[in-house]
PDB file of N, CA and C in Angstrom:
ATOM      1  N   MET A   1      20.806 -18.499  21.604  1.00  0.00           N
ATOM      2  CA  MET A   1      19.595 -17.943  22.192  1.00  0.00           C
ATOM      3  C   MET A   1      18.995 -16.938  21.212  1.00  0.00           C
ATOM      4  N   VAL A   2      17.706 -16.964  21.104  1.00  0.00           N
ATOM      5  CA  VAL A   2      16.991 -16.081  20.200  1.00  0.00           C
ATOM      6  C   VAL A   2      16.646 -14.799  20.940  1.00  0.00           C
ATOM      7  N   SER A   3      16.850 -13.675  20.256  1.00  0.00           N
ATOM      8  CA  SER A   3      16.545 -12.401  20.898  1.00  0.00           C
ATOM      9  C   SER A   3      15.044 -12.120  20.862  1.00  0.00           C
ATOM     10  N   ALA A   4      14.620 -11.238  21.726  1.00  0.00           N
ATOM     11  CA  ALA A   4      13.204 -10.862  21.779  1.00  0.00           C
ATOM     12  C   ALA A   4      12.795 -10.140  20.501  1.00  0.00           C
ATOM     13  N   GLY A   5      13.706  -9.382  19.932  1.00  0.00           N
ATOM     14  CA  GLY A   5      13.412  -8.673  18.679  1.00  0.00           C
ATOM     15  C   GLY A   5      13.151  -9.628  17.530  1.00  0.00           C
ATOM     16  N   ALA A   6      13.891 -10.746  17.489  1.00  0.00           N
ATOM     17  CA  ALA A   6      13.681 -11.729  16.432  1.00  0.00           C
ATOM     18  C   ALA A   6      12.320 -12.411  16.581  1.00  0.00           C
ATOM     19  N   VAL A   7      11.936 -12.702  17.806  1.00  0.00           N
ATOM     20  CA  VAL A   7      10.627 -13.327  18.046  1.00  0.00           C
ATOM     21  C   VAL A   7       9.510 -12.363  17.663  1.00  0.00           C
ATOM     22  N   VAL A   8       9.662 -11.099  18.011  1.00  0.00           N
ATOM     23  CA  VAL A   8       8.667 -10.093  17.628  1.00  0.00           C
ATOM     24  C   VAL A   8       8.601  -9.975  16.109  1.00  0.00           C
ATOM     25  N   GLY A   9       9.737 -10.050  15.437  1.00  0.00           N
ATOM     26  CA  GLY A   9       9.767 -10.008  13.973  1.00  0.00           C
ATOM     27  C   GLY A   9       9.006 -11.158  13.351  1.00  0.00           C
ATOM     28  N   ILE A  10       9.179 -12.361  13.889  1.00  0.00           N
ATOM     29  CA  ILE A  10       8.437 -13.530  13.386  1.00  0.00           C
ATOM     30  C   ILE A  10       6.945 -13.360  13.625  1.00  0.00           C
ATOM     31  N   LEU A  11       6.571 -12.845  14.790  1.00  0.00           N
ATOM     32  CA  LEU A  11       5.147 -12.634  15.079  1.00  0.00           C
ATOM     33  C   LEU A  11       4.539 -11.588  14.163  1.00  0.00           C
ATOM     34  N   ILE A  12       5.291 -10.542  13.846  1.00  0.00           N
ATOM     35  CA  ILE A  12       4.806  -9.523  12.900  1.00  0.00           C
ATOM     36  C   ILE A  12       4.650 -10.129  11.515  1.00  0.00           C
ATOM     37  N   LEU A  13       5.635 -10.920  11.100  1.00  0.00           N
ATOM     38  CA  LEU A  13       5.570 -11.595   9.804  1.00  0.00           C
ATOM     39  C   LEU A  13       4.343 -12.504   9.732  1.00  0.00           C
ATOM     40  N   MET A  14       4.096 -13.275  10.787  1.00  0.00           N
ATOM     41  CA  MET A  14       2.933 -14.161  10.798  1.00  0.00           C
ATOM     42  C   MET A  14       1.623 -13.370  10.789  1.00  0.00           C
ATOM     43  N   ALA A  15       1.559 -12.277  11.532  1.00  0.00           N
ATOM     44  CA  ALA A  15       0.336 -11.468  11.561  1.00  0.00           C
ATOM     45  C   ALA A  15       0.045 -10.873  10.185  1.00  0.00           C
ATOM     46  N   ILE A  16       1.070 -10.388   9.512  1.00  0.00           N
ATOM     47  CA  ILE A  16       0.885  -9.837   8.168  1.00  0.00           C
ATOM     48  C   ILE A  16       0.424 -10.929   7.215  1.00  0.00           C
ATOM     49  N   HIS A  17       0.996 -12.109   7.323  1.00  0.00           N
ATOM     50  CA  HIS A  17       0.616 -13.202   6.434  1.00  0.00           C
ATOM     51  C   HIS A  17      -0.787 -13.719   6.715  1.00  0.00           C
ATOM     52  N   ILE A  18      -1.195 -13.756   7.958  1.00  0.00           N
ATOM     53  CA  ILE A  18      -2.566 -14.158   8.275  1.00  0.00           C
ATOM     54  C   ILE A  18      -3.549 -13.156   7.665  1.00  0.00           C
ATOM     55  N   MET A  19      -3.229 -11.876   7.779  1.00  0.00           N
ATOM     56  CA  MET A  19      -4.080 -10.844   7.196  1.00  0.00           C
ATOM     57  C   MET A  19      -4.129 -10.972   5.672  1.00  0.00           C
ATOM     58  N   LEU A  20      -2.980 -11.182   5.029  1.00  0.00           N
ATOM     59  CA  LEU A  20      -2.955 -11.346   3.572  1.00  0.00           C
ATOM     60  C   LEU A  20      -3.745 -12.569   3.133  1.00  0.00           C
ATOM     61  N   ALA A  21      -3.625 -13.668   3.860  1.00  0.00           N
ATOM     62  CA  ALA A  21      -4.358 -14.888   3.501  1.00  0.00           C
ATOM     63  C   ALA A  21      -5.864 -14.692   3.658  1.00  0.00           C
ATOM     64  N   ALA A  22      -6.290 -14.046   4.733  1.00  0.00           N
ATOM     65  CA  ALA A  22      -7.731 -13.830   4.953  1.00  0.00           C
ATOM     66  C   ALA A  22      -8.305 -12.881   3.907  1.00  0.00           C
ATOM     67  N   ILE A  23      -7.613 -11.791   3.637  1.00  0.00           N
ATOM     68  CA  ILE A  23      -8.108 -10.822   2.647  1.00  0.00           C
ATOM     69  C   ILE A  23      -8.057 -11.410   1.247  1.00  0.00           C
ATOM     70  N   GLY A  24      -6.991 -12.139   0.929  1.00  0.00           N
ATOM     71  CA  GLY A  24      -6.893 -12.774  -0.383  1.00  0.00           C
ATOM     72  C   GLY A  24      -7.974 -13.812  -0.605  1.00  0.00           C
ATOM     73  N   THR A  25      -8.261 -14.587   0.416  1.00  0.00           N
ATOM     74  CA  THR A  25      -9.317 -15.591   0.327  1.00  0.00           C
ATOM     75  C   THR A  25     -10.671 -14.923   0.111  1.00  0.00           C
ATOM     76  N   ARG A  26     -10.933 -13.860   0.838  1.00  0.00           N
ATOM     77  CA  ARG A  26     -12.199 -13.139   0.679  1.00  0.00           C
ATOM     78  C   ARG A  26     -12.323 -12.570  -0.737  1.00  0.00           C
ATOM     79  N   PHE A  27     -11.239 -12.000  -1.244  1.00  0.00           N
ATOM     80  CA  PHE A  27     -11.246 -11.430  -2.599  1.00  0.00           C
ATOM     81  C   PHE A  27     -11.547 -12.513  -3.633  1.00  0.00           C
ATOM     82  N   ILE A  28     -10.906 -13.660  -3.496  1.00  0.00           N
ATOM     83  CA  ILE A  28     -11.141 -14.757  -4.438  1.00  0.00           C
ATOM     84  C   ILE A  28     -12.567 -15.267  -4.313  1.00  0.00           C
ATOM     85  N   ARG A  29     -13.078 -15.397  -3.105  1.00  0.00           N
ATOM     86  CA  ARG A  29     -14.448 -15.876  -2.917  1.00  0.00           C
ATOM     87  C   ARG A  29     -15.478 -14.914  -3.495  1.00  0.00           C
ATOM     88  N   LEU A  30     -15.161 -13.630  -3.508  1.00  0.00           N
ATOM     89  CA  LEU A  30     -16.094 -12.650  -4.057  1.00  0.00           C
ATOM     90  C   LEU A  30     -16.129 -12.654  -5.581  1.00  0.00           C
ATOM     91  N   TYR A  31     -14.988 -12.891  -6.213  1.00  0.00           N
ATOM     92  CA  TYR A  31     -14.905 -12.677  -7.657  1.00  0.00           C
ATOM     93  C   TYR A  31     -14.801 -13.928  -8.505  1.00  0.00           C
ATOM     94  N   VAL A  32     -14.593 -15.100  -7.925  1.00  0.00           N
ATOM     95  CA  VAL A  32     -14.558 -16.337  -8.707  1.00  0.00           C
ATOM     96  C   VAL A  32     -15.927 -16.992  -8.593  1.00  0.00           C
ATOM     97  N   GLU A  33     -16.475 -17.382  -9.721  1.00  0.00           N
ATOM     98  CA  GLU A  33     -17.864 -17.848  -9.765  1.00  0.00           C
ATOM     99  C   GLU A  33     -18.057 -19.298  -9.315  1.00  0.00           C
ATOM    100  N   THR A  34     -17.163 -20.200  -9.681  1.00  0.00           N
ATOM    101  CA  THR A  34     -17.375 -21.617  -9.390  1.00  0.00           C
ATOM    102  C   THR A  34     -16.616 -22.046  -8.138  1.00  0.00           C
ATOM    103  N   ARG A  35     -17.102 -23.087  -7.470  1.00  0.00           N
ATOM    104  CA  ARG A  35     -16.447 -23.603  -6.266  1.00  0.00           C
ATOM    105  C   ARG A  35     -15.095 -24.236  -6.613  1.00  0.00           C
ATOM    106  N   THR A  36     -15.026 -24.917  -7.761  1.00  0.00           N
ATOM    107  CA  THR A  36     -13.764 -25.535  -8.170  1.00  0.00           C
ATOM    108  C   THR A  36     -12.730 -24.468  -8.490  1.00  0.00           C
ATOM    109  N   GLY A  37     -13.137 -23.458  -9.232  1.00  0.00           N
ATOM    110  CA  GLY A  37     -12.227 -22.356  -9.549  1.00  0.00           C
ATOM    111  C   GLY A  37     -11.782 -21.622  -8.306  1.00  0.00           C
ATOM    112  N   GLU A  38     -12.684 -21.478  -7.370  1.00  0.00           N
ATOM    113  CA  GLU A  38     -12.363 -20.830  -6.096  1.00  0.00           C
ATOM    114  C   GLU A  38     -11.316 -21.635  -5.329  1.00  0.00           C
ATOM    115  N   ALA A  39     -11.507 -22.934  -5.244  1.00  0.00           N
ATOM    116  CA  ALA A  39     -10.556 -23.786  -4.522  1.00  0.00           C
ATOM    117  C   ALA A  39      -9.189 -23.787  -5.193  1.00  0.00           C
ATOM    118  N   ILE A  40      -9.156 -23.894  -6.515  1.00  0.00           N
ATOM    119  CA  ILE A  40      -7.884 -23.892  -7.239  1.00  0.00           C
ATOM    120  C   ILE A  40      -7.179 -22.560  -7.073  1.00  0.00           C
ATOM    121  N   ALA A  41      -7.921 -21.469  -7.198  1.00  0.00           N
ATOM    122  CA  ALA A  41      -7.320 -20.142  -7.059  1.00  0.00           C
ATOM    123  C   ALA A  41      -6.764 -19.935  -5.652  1.00  0.00           C
ATOM    124  N   ILE A  42      -7.516 -20.347  -4.650  1.00  0.00           N
ATOM    125  CA  ILE A  42      -7.053 -20.182  -3.266  1.00  0.00           C
ATOM    126  C   ILE A  42      -5.790 -21.008  -3.027  1.00  0.00           C
ATOM    127  N   LEU A  43      -5.776 -22.258  -3.499  1.00  0.00           N
ATOM    128  CA  LEU A  43      -4.628 -23.130  -3.266  1.00  0.00           C
ATOM    129  C   LEU A  43      -3.387 -22.732  -4.060  1.00  0.00           C
ATOM    130  N   LEU A  44      -3.553 -21.987  -5.149  1.00  0.00           N
ATOM    131  CA  LEU A  44      -2.400 -21.571  -5.943  1.00  0.00           C
ATOM    132  C   LEU A  44      -1.967 -20.136  -5.667  1.00  0.00           C
ATOM    133  N   VAL A  45      -2.915 -19.239  -5.564  1.00  0.00           N
ATOM    134  CA  VAL A  45      -2.583 -17.813  -5.463  1.00  0.00           C
ATOM    135  C   VAL A  45      -2.106 -17.424  -4.066  1.00  0.00           C
ATOM    136  N   ILE A  46      -2.807 -17.839  -3.038  1.00  0.00           N
ATOM    137  CA  ILE A  46      -2.486 -17.396  -1.677  1.00  0.00           C
ATOM    138  C   ILE A  46      -1.106 -17.880  -1.224  1.00  0.00           C
ATOM    139  N   PRO A  47      -0.749 -19.172  -1.364  1.00  0.00           N
ATOM    140  CA  PRO A  47       0.611 -19.568  -0.963  1.00  0.00           C
ATOM    141  C   PRO A  47       1.704 -18.875  -1.775  1.00  0.00           C
ATOM    142  N   THR A  48       1.443 -18.624  -3.060  1.00  0.00           N
ATOM    143  CA  THR A  48       2.418 -17.896  -3.872  1.00  0.00           C
ATOM    144  C   THR A  48       2.588 -16.474  -3.358  1.00  0.00           C
ATOM    145  N   LEU A  49       1.481 -15.827  -3.027  1.00  0.00           N
ATOM    146  CA  LEU A  49       1.532 -14.488  -2.448  1.00  0.00           C
ATOM    147  C   LEU A  49       2.309 -14.493  -1.129  1.00  0.00           C
ATOM    148  N   LEU A  50       2.067 -15.476  -0.290  1.00  0.00           N
ATOM    149  CA  LEU A  50       2.767 -15.567   0.983  1.00  0.00           C
ATOM    150  C   LEU A  50       4.257 -15.855   0.796  1.00  0.00           C
ATOM    151  N   PHE A  51       4.597 -16.650  -0.201  1.00  0.00           N
ATOM    152  CA  PHE A  51       6.007 -16.943  -0.475  1.00  0.00           C
ATOM    153  C   PHE A  51       6.758 -15.674  -0.861  1.00  0.00           C
ATOM    154  N   PHE A  52       6.200 -14.904  -1.797  1.00  0.00           N
ATOM    155  CA  PHE A  52       6.884 -13.686  -2.221  1.00  0.00           C
ATOM    156  C   PHE A  52       6.876 -12.626  -1.120  1.00  0.00           C
ATOM    157  N   SER A  53       5.836 -12.604  -0.330  1.00  0.00           N
ATOM    158  CA  SER A  53       5.805 -11.699   0.812  1.00  0.00           C
ATOM    159  C   SER A  53       6.874 -12.070   1.833  1.00  0.00           C
ATOM    160  N   THR A  54       7.089 -13.370   2.021  1.00  0.00           N
ATOM    161  CA  THR A  54       8.149 -13.820   2.924  1.00  0.00           C
ATOM    162  C   THR A  54       9.509 -13.361   2.420  1.00  0.00           C
ATOM    163  N   LEU A  55       9.745 -13.502   1.132  1.00  0.00           N
ATOM    164  CA  LEU A  55      11.014 -13.039   0.562  1.00  0.00           C
ATOM    165  C   LEU A  55      11.199 -11.547   0.780  1.00  0.00           C
ATOM    166  N   LEU A  56      10.132 -10.787   0.591  1.00  0.00           N
ATOM    167  CA  LEU A  56      10.217  -9.336   0.759  1.00  0.00           C
ATOM    168  C   LEU A  56      10.416  -8.949   2.220  1.00  0.00           C
ATOM    169  N   LEU A  57       9.577  -9.480   3.097  1.00  0.00           N
ATOM    170  CA  LEU A  57       9.632  -9.073   4.501  1.00  0.00           C
ATOM    171  C   LEU A  57      10.877  -9.575   5.220  1.00  0.00           C
ATOM    172  N   SER A  58      11.301 -10.801   4.938  1.00  0.00           N
ATOM    173  CA  SER A  58      12.478 -11.318   5.631  1.00  0.00           C
ATOM    174  C   SER A  58      13.773 -10.878   4.970  1.00  0.00           C
ATOM    175  N   GLY A  59      13.730 -10.595   3.678  1.00  0.00           N
ATOM    176  CA  GLY A  59      14.940 -10.173   2.986  1.00  0.00           C
ATOM    177  C   GLY A  59      15.191  -8.687   3.069  1.00  0.00           C
ATOM    178  N   VAL A  60      14.217  -7.898   2.682  1.00  0.00           N
ATOM    179  CA  VAL A  60      14.388  -6.441   2.634  1.00  0.00           C
ATOM    180  C   VAL A  60      14.246  -5.824   4.017  1.00  0.00           C
ATOM    181  N   PHE A  61      13.228  -6.236   4.756  1.00  0.00           N
ATOM    182  CA  PHE A  61      12.956  -5.622   6.058  1.00  0.00           C
ATOM    183  C   PHE A  61      13.549  -6.389   7.237  1.00  0.00           C
ATOM    184  N   HIS A  62      14.179  -7.531   6.983  1.00  0.00           N
ATOM    185  CA  HIS A  62      14.876  -8.337   7.999  1.00  0.00           C
ATOM    186  C   HIS A  62      13.981  -8.719   9.187  1.00  0.00           C
ATOM    187  N   LEU A  63      12.735  -9.075   8.898  1.00  0.00           N
ATOM    188  CA  LEU A  63      11.862  -9.576   9.961  1.00  0.00           C
ATOM    189  C   LEU A  63      12.171 -11.043  10.207  1.00  0.00           C
ATOM    190  N   GLY A  64      12.225 -11.430  11.460  1.00  0.00           N
ATOM    191  CA  GLY A  64      12.464 -12.819  11.812  1.00  0.00           C
ATOM    192  C   GLY A  64      13.923 -13.109  12.058  1.00  0.00           C
ATOM    193  N   PHE A  65      14.257 -14.387  12.052  1.00  0.00           N
ATOM    194  CA  PHE A  65      15.623 -14.826  12.293  1.00  0.00           C
ATOM    195  C   PHE A  65      15.866 -16.120  11.547  1.00  0.00           C
ATOM    196  N   ASP A  66      17.097 -16.575  11.509  1.00  0.00           N
ATOM    197  CA  ASP A  66      17.460 -17.790  10.804  1.00  0.00           C
ATOM    198  C   ASP A  66      17.006 -19.004  11.613  1.00  0.00           C
ATOM    199  N   LEU A  67      16.074 -19.772  11.074  1.00  0.00           N
ATOM    200  CA  LEU A  67      15.529 -20.926  11.783  1.00  0.00           C
ATOM    201  C   LEU A  67      16.349 -22.192  11.580  1.00  0.00           C
ATOM    202  N   GLN A  68      17.330 -22.175  10.681  1.00  0.00           N
ATOM    203  CA  GLN A  68      18.222 -23.296  10.409  1.00  0.00           C
ATOM    204  C   GLN A  68      17.539 -24.493   9.747  1.00  0.00           C
ATOM    205  N   ASP A  69      16.267 -24.375   9.416  1.00  0.00           N
ATOM    206  CA  ASP A  69      15.551 -25.470   8.778  1.00  0.00           C
ATOM    207  C   ASP A  69      14.506 -24.885   7.834  1.00  0.00           C
ATOM    208  N   ARG A  70      14.610 -25.209   6.552  1.00  0.00           N
ATOM    209  CA  ARG A  70      13.699 -24.609   5.567  1.00  0.00           C
ATOM    210  C   ARG A  70      12.257 -25.065   5.752  1.00  0.00           C
ATOM    211  N   TRP A  71      12.039 -26.284   6.231  1.00  0.00           N
ATOM    212  CA  TRP A  71      10.674 -26.780   6.429  1.00  0.00           C
ATOM    213  C   TRP A  71      10.002 -26.069   7.602  1.00  0.00           C
ATOM    214  N   LEU A  72      10.750 -25.830   8.644  1.00  0.00           N
ATOM    215  CA  LEU A  72      10.215 -25.080   9.776  1.00  0.00           C
ATOM    216  C   LEU A  72       9.898 -23.644   9.364  1.00  0.00           C
ATOM    217  N   ALA A  73      10.780 -23.052   8.579  1.00  0.00           N
ATOM    218  CA  ALA A  73      10.537 -21.691   8.091  1.00  0.00           C
ATOM    219  C   ALA A  73       9.291 -21.637   7.215  1.00  0.00           C
ATOM    220  N   ALA A  74       9.117 -22.643   6.353  1.00  0.00           N
ATOM    221  CA  ALA A  74       7.924 -22.685   5.501  1.00  0.00           C
ATOM    222  C   ALA A  74       6.658 -22.859   6.334  1.00  0.00           C
ATOM    223  N   MET A  75       6.723 -23.673   7.368  1.00  0.00           N
ATOM    224  CA  MET A  75       5.564 -23.867   8.240  1.00  0.00           C
ATOM    225  C   MET A  75       5.189 -22.565   8.947  1.00  0.00           C
ATOM    226  N   ILE A  76       6.186 -21.881   9.492  1.00  0.00           N
ATOM    227  CA  ILE A  76       5.920 -20.662  10.262  1.00  0.00           C
ATOM    228  C   ILE A  76       5.510 -19.505   9.366  1.00  0.00           C
ATOM    229  N   ALA A  77       6.109 -19.393   8.202  1.00  0.00           N
ATOM    230  CA  ALA A  77       5.864 -18.230   7.357  1.00  0.00           C
ATOM    231  C   ALA A  77       4.740 -18.418   6.353  1.00  0.00           C
ATOM    232  N   ILE A  78       4.433 -19.667   5.973  1.00  0.00           N
ATOM    233  CA  ILE A  78       3.441 -19.863   4.908  1.00  0.00           C
ATOM    234  C   ILE A  78       2.285 -20.757   5.345  1.00  0.00           C
ATOM    235  N   VAL A  79       2.549 -21.944   5.825  1.00  0.00           N
ATOM    236  CA  VAL A  79       1.491 -22.931   6.066  1.00  0.00           C
ATOM    237  C   VAL A  79       0.561 -22.517   7.206  1.00  0.00           C
ATOM    238  N   ILE A  80       1.122 -22.154   8.347  1.00  0.00           N
ATOM    239  CA  ILE A  80       0.287 -21.773   9.496  1.00  0.00           C
ATOM    240  C   ILE A  80      -0.528 -20.511   9.209  1.00  0.00           C
ATOM    241  N   PRO A  81       0.080 -19.429   8.672  1.00  0.00           N
ATOM    242  CA  PRO A  81      -0.740 -18.252   8.342  1.00  0.00           C
ATOM    243  C   PRO A  81      -1.791 -18.538   7.270  1.00  0.00           C
ATOM    244  N   PHE A  82      -1.466 -19.395   6.307  1.00  0.00           N
ATOM    245  CA  PHE A  82      -2.439 -19.760   5.275  1.00  0.00           C
ATOM    246  C   PHE A  82      -3.641 -20.451   5.904  1.00  0.00           C
ATOM    247  N   ALA A  83      -3.389 -21.416   6.771  1.00  0.00           N
ATOM    248  CA  ALA A  83      -4.482 -22.135   7.433  1.00  0.00           C
ATOM    249  C   ALA A  83      -5.299 -21.207   8.324  1.00  0.00           C
ATOM    250  N   LEU A  84      -4.645 -20.349   9.076  1.00  0.00           N
ATOM    251  CA  LEU A  84      -5.382 -19.419   9.942  1.00  0.00           C
ATOM    252  C   LEU A  84      -6.169 -18.391   9.134  1.00  0.00           C
ATOM    253  N   GLY A  85      -5.604 -17.906   8.033  1.00  0.00           N
ATOM    254  CA  GLY A  85      -6.322 -16.958   7.175  1.00  0.00           C
ATOM    255  C   GLY A  85      -7.566 -17.578   6.565  1.00  0.00           C
ATOM    256  N   LEU A  86      -7.455 -18.824   6.088  1.00  0.00           N
ATOM    257  CA  LEU A  86      -8.631 -19.532   5.568  1.00  0.00           C
ATOM    258  C   LEU A  86      -9.680 -19.729   6.652  1.00  0.00           C
ATOM    259  N   THR A  87      -9.236 -20.096   7.834  1.00  0.00           N
ATOM    260  CA  THR A  87     -10.158 -20.317   8.949  1.00  0.00           C
ATOM    261  C   THR A  87     -10.898 -19.033   9.295  1.00  0.00           C
ATOM    262  N   ILE A  88     -10.195 -17.930   9.338  1.00  0.00           N
ATOM    263  CA  ILE A  88     -10.829 -16.648   9.649  1.00  0.00           C
ATOM    264  C   ILE A  88     -11.884 -16.323   8.608  1.00  0.00           C
ATOM    265  N   ASP A  89     -11.545 -16.481   7.326  1.00  0.00           N
ATOM    266  CA  ASP A  89     -12.498 -16.101   6.288  1.00  0.00           C
ATOM    267  C   ASP A  89     -13.689 -17.041   6.240  1.00  0.00           C
ATOM    268  N   TYR A  90     -13.475 -18.334   6.360  1.00  0.00           N
ATOM    269  CA  TYR A  90     -14.579 -19.283   6.232  1.00  0.00           C
ATOM    270  C   TYR A  90     -15.434 -19.394   7.489  1.00  0.00           C
ATOM    271  N   LEU A  91     -14.846 -19.232   8.665  1.00  0.00           N
ATOM    272  CA  LEU A  91     -15.612 -19.465   9.888  1.00  0.00           C
ATOM    273  C   LEU A  91     -16.086 -18.198  10.587  1.00  0.00           C
ATOM    274  N   TRP A  92     -15.335 -17.118  10.498  1.00  0.00           N
ATOM    275  CA  TRP A  92     -15.689 -15.925  11.262  1.00  0.00           C
ATOM    276  C   TRP A  92     -16.384 -14.845  10.443  1.00  0.00           C
ATOM    277  N   VAL A  93     -16.138 -14.808   9.161  1.00  0.00           N
ATOM    278  CA  VAL A  93     -16.707 -13.766   8.310  1.00  0.00           C
ATOM    279  C   VAL A  93     -17.896 -14.363   7.556  1.00  0.00           C
ATOM    280  N   ALA A  94     -18.944 -13.596   7.415  1.00  0.00           N
ATOM    281  CA  ALA A  94     -20.128 -14.081   6.706  1.00  0.00           C
ATOM    282  C   ALA A  94     -19.783 -14.380   5.251  1.00  0.00           C
ATOM    283  N   SER A  95     -20.436 -15.409   4.696  1.00  0.00           N
ATOM    284  CA  SER A  95     -20.157 -15.777   3.304  1.00  0.00           C
ATOM    285  C   SER A  95     -20.650 -14.675   2.368  1.00  0.00           C
ATOM    286  N   PRO A  96     -20.065 -14.583   1.185  1.00  0.00           N
ATOM    287  CA  PRO A  96     -20.489 -13.547   0.242  1.00  0.00           C
ATOM    288  C   PRO A  96     -21.981 -13.618  -0.094  1.00  0.00           C
ATOM    289  N   GLU A  97     -22.545 -14.824  -0.138  1.00  0.00           N
ATOM    290  CA  GLU A  97     -23.974 -14.959  -0.445  1.00  0.00           C
ATOM    291  C   GLU A  97     -24.840 -14.370   0.669  1.00  0.00           C
ATOM    292  N   GLU A  98     -24.426 -14.584   1.926  1.00  0.00           N
ATOM    293  CA  GLU A  98     -25.182 -14.030   3.054  1.00  0.00           C
ATOM    294  C   GLU A  98     -25.123 -12.505   3.063  1.00  0.00           C
ATOM    295  N   VAL A  99     -23.968 -11.954   2.708  1.00  0.00           N
ATOM    296  CA  VAL A  99     -23.834 -10.509   2.653  1.00  0.00           C
ATOM    297  C   VAL A  99     -24.716  -9.927   1.558  1.00  0.00           C
ATOM    298  N   GLU A 100     -24.706 -10.546   0.382  1.00  0.00           N
ATOM    299  CA  GLU A 100     -25.564 -10.080  -0.712  1.00  0.00           C
ATOM    300  C   GLU A 100     -27.034 -10.167  -0.340  1.00  0.00           C
ATOM    301  N   GLN A 101     -27.430 -11.250   0.335  1.00  0.00           N
ATOM    302  CA  GLN A 101     -28.827 -11.407   0.762  1.00  0.00           C
ATOM    303  C   GLN A 101     -29.203 -10.343   1.784  1.00  0.00           C
ATOM    304  N   ALA A 102     -28.322 -10.027   2.705  1.00  0.00           N
ATOM    305  CA  ALA A 102     -28.597  -9.004   3.721  1.00  0.00           C
ATOM    306  C   ALA A 102     -28.736  -7.625   3.069  1.00  0.00           C
ATOM    307  N   ILE A 103     -27.934  -7.365   2.051  1.00  0.00           N
ATOM    308  CA  ILE A 103     -28.010  -6.080   1.359  1.00  0.00           C
ATOM    309  C   ILE A 103     -29.318  -5.987   0.581  1.00  0.00           C
ATOM    310  N   ALA A 104     -29.733  -7.113  -0.030  1.00  0.00           N
ATOM    311  CA  ALA A 104     -30.973  -7.116  -0.819  1.00  0.00           C
ATOM    312  C   ALA A 104     -32.218  -6.943   0.055  1.00  0.00           C
ATOM    313  N   ASP A 105     -32.163  -7.391   1.302  1.00  0.00           N
ATOM    314  CA  ASP A 105     -33.344  -7.291   2.175  1.00  0.00           C
ATOM    315  C   ASP A 105     -33.539  -5.929   2.715  1.00  0.00           C
TER     316      ASP A 105
END
């Protein structure tokens, strides 16, 4: 049986990773000029950041619990937060061009 503390730890880990993915995506979208470079940077940098963050948060701070399956752990700690972070940045936050246009007006 999984303890409530372990479930809360996984939820905290996922919340931190969703925030890192959304902020990282926004940073890349602001500073990379081309769409291809933006896509490559997002697909390479953000999952790498989430991987090392997972090592830090689950290893040093002991957030989460042993899932007994590396693919499930990767889905919960990296893939789902990555997808949600991208969704937040692309669908809920105004694009960098719209922000620049609003500032110019």
